[in-house]
Amino acid sequence: MFCHKCKCCNLSWLSGFFALAAVIHIVRLISRAQVQIGDWTVPMNVSIGVAIVAGVLSLILCKKSCASCNCSSPAKTN
């Protein structure tokens, strides 16, 4: 559960957001679903690019969140 008191919580949330975007585009690629925005059909290359970029961002943010996590350390009292 997020503690909302340290930097790792925001990074974990963003990591999950980008992972979800990557998974959605991978599912689109596997199922070969056509996406149309207005009169423009979105090419599969766009989904390939988004899946790669979102996946890499997710991994980077996940590693940064684990490195900056101090949620398990005891709370400091003044």
C-alpha atoms as a PDB file:
ATOM      1  CA  MET A   1       0.000   0.000   0.000  1.00  0.00           C
ATOM      2  CA  PHE A   2       1.217   3.487  -0.739  1.00  0.00           C
ATOM      3  CA  CYS A   3       2.265   5.563   2.242  1.00  0.00           C
ATOM      4  CA  HIS A   4       1.999   8.889   0.332  1.00  0.00           C
ATOM      5  CA  LYS A   5       4.909  10.255   2.352  1.00  0.00           C
ATOM      6  CA  CYS A   6       7.948   9.378   0.272  1.00  0.00           C
ATOM      7  CA  LYS A   7       9.179   9.797  -3.293  1.00  0.00           C
ATOM      8  CA  CYS A   8       8.906   6.111  -4.116  1.00  0.00           C
ATOM      9  CA  CYS A   9       5.099   6.167  -3.976  1.00  0.00           C
ATOM     10  CA  ASN A  10       4.768   8.618  -6.869  1.00  0.00           C
ATOM     11  CA  LEU A  11       7.366   6.756  -8.902  1.00  0.00           C
ATOM     12  CA  SER A  12       5.585   3.446  -8.266  1.00  0.00           C
ATOM     13  CA  TRP A  13       2.283   4.917  -9.415  1.00  0.00           C
ATOM     14  CA  LEU A  14       3.849   6.289 -12.618  1.00  0.00           C
ATOM     15  CA  SER A  15       5.578   2.978 -13.245  1.00  0.00           C
ATOM     16  CA  GLY A  16       2.239   1.188 -13.076  1.00  0.00           C
ATOM     17  CA  PHE A  17       0.627   3.773 -15.350  1.00  0.00           C
ATOM     18  CA  PHE A  18       3.247   3.277 -18.064  1.00  0.00           C
ATOM     19  CA  ALA A  19       3.146  -0.516 -17.613  1.00  0.00           C
ATOM     20  CA  LEU A  20      -0.614  -0.456 -18.195  1.00  0.00           C
ATOM     21  CA  ALA A  21      -0.144   1.591 -21.377  1.00  0.00           C
ATOM     22  CA  ALA A  22       2.480  -0.876 -22.604  1.00  0.00           C
ATOM     23  CA  VAL A  23       0.227  -3.866 -21.901  1.00  0.00           C
ATOM     24  CA  ILE A  24      -2.731  -2.262 -23.688  1.00  0.00           C
ATOM     25  CA  HIS A  25      -0.643  -1.649 -26.809  1.00  0.00           C
ATOM     26  CA  ILE A  26       0.830  -5.157 -26.699  1.00  0.00           C
ATOM     27  CA  VAL A  27      -2.704  -6.596 -26.540  1.00  0.00           C
ATOM     28  CA  ARG A  28      -3.641  -4.421 -29.521  1.00  0.00           C
ATOM     29  CA  LEU A  29      -0.648  -5.746 -31.447  1.00  0.00           C
ATOM     30  CA  ILE A  30      -1.381  -9.381 -30.615  1.00  0.00           C
ATOM     31  CA  SER A  31      -5.070  -9.105 -31.456  1.00  0.00           C
ATOM     32  CA  ARG A  32      -4.374  -6.908 -34.517  1.00  0.00           C
ATOM     33  CA  ALA A  33      -7.232  -4.623 -33.499  1.00  0.00           C
ATOM     34  CA  GLN A  34      -7.805  -1.613 -35.718  1.00  0.00           C
ATOM     35  CA  VAL A  35      -8.074   1.753 -33.991  1.00  0.00           C
ATOM     36  CA  GLN A  36      -9.603   4.669 -35.815  1.00  0.00           C
ATOM     37  CA  ILE A  37      -9.576   8.276 -34.641  1.00  0.00           C
ATOM     38  CA  GLY A  38     -11.918  10.241 -36.850  1.00  0.00           C
ATOM     39  CA  ASP A  39     -10.936   9.429 -40.416  1.00  0.00           C
ATOM     40  CA  TRP A  40      -7.403   8.356 -39.472  1.00  0.00           C
ATOM     41  CA  THR A  41      -6.564   4.705 -38.838  1.00  0.00           C
ATOM     42  CA  VAL A  42      -3.751   4.410 -36.304  1.00  0.00           C
ATOM     43  CA  PRO A  43      -0.893   2.344 -37.799  1.00  0.00           C
ATOM     44  CA  MET A  44       0.487  -0.667 -35.932  1.00  0.00           C
ATOM     45  CA  ASN A  45       3.928   1.000 -35.920  1.00  0.00           C
ATOM     46  CA  VAL A  46       2.577   3.616 -33.530  1.00  0.00           C
ATOM     47  CA  SER A  47       1.553   0.888 -31.084  1.00  0.00           C
ATOM     48  CA  ILE A  48       4.963  -0.747 -31.402  1.00  0.00           C
ATOM     49  CA  GLY A  49       6.650   2.550 -30.550  1.00  0.00           C
ATOM     50  CA  VAL A  50       4.317   3.336 -27.668  1.00  0.00           C
ATOM     51  CA  ALA A  51       4.689  -0.173 -26.231  1.00  0.00           C
ATOM     52  CA  ILE A  52       8.489   0.057 -26.308  1.00  0.00           C
ATOM     53  CA  VAL A  53       8.692   3.588 -24.880  1.00  0.00           C
ATOM     54  CA  ALA A  54       6.073   2.933 -22.175  1.00  0.00           C
ATOM     55  CA  GLY A  55       7.694  -0.371 -21.226  1.00  0.00           C
ATOM     56  CA  VAL A  56      11.140   1.192 -20.898  1.00  0.00           C
ATOM     57  CA  LEU A  57       9.753   4.109 -18.867  1.00  0.00           C
ATOM     58  CA  SER A  58       7.940   1.665 -16.613  1.00  0.00           C
ATOM     59  CA  LEU A  59      11.107  -0.328 -15.942  1.00  0.00           C
ATOM     60  CA  ILE A  60      13.182   2.804 -15.299  1.00  0.00           C
ATOM     61  CA  LEU A  61      10.604   4.256 -12.908  1.00  0.00           C
ATOM     62  CA  CYS A  62      10.227   0.921 -11.126  1.00  0.00           C
ATOM     63  CA  LYS A  63      13.978   0.704 -10.522  1.00  0.00           C
ATOM     64  CA  LYS A  64      14.093   4.326  -9.336  1.00  0.00           C
ATOM     65  CA  SER A  65      11.180   3.775  -6.957  1.00  0.00           C
ATOM     66  CA  CYS A  66      12.841   0.725  -5.425  1.00  0.00           C
ATOM     67  CA  ALA A  67      16.120   2.603  -5.031  1.00  0.00           C
ATOM     68  CA  SER A  68      14.505   5.598  -3.329  1.00  0.00           C
ATOM     69  CA  CYS A  69      12.098   3.646  -1.117  1.00  0.00           C
ATOM     70  CA  ASN A  70      12.251   4.223   2.601  1.00  0.00           C
ATOM     71  CA  CYS A  71       8.723   3.094   3.435  1.00  0.00           C
ATOM     72  CA  SER A  72       9.991   0.097   5.373  1.00  0.00           C
ATOM     73  CA  SER A  73      12.282   2.173   7.579  1.00  0.00           C
ATOM     74  CA  PRO A  74      10.899   3.149  10.980  1.00  0.00           C
ATOM     75  CA  ALA A  75       9.312   6.563  11.274  1.00  0.00           C
ATOM     76  CA  LYS A  76      11.509   9.279  12.719  1.00  0.00           C
ATOM     77  CA  THR A  77      10.227  11.093  15.757  1.00  0.00           C
ATOM     78  CA  ASN A  78      11.333  14.579  16.674  1.00  0.00           C
END
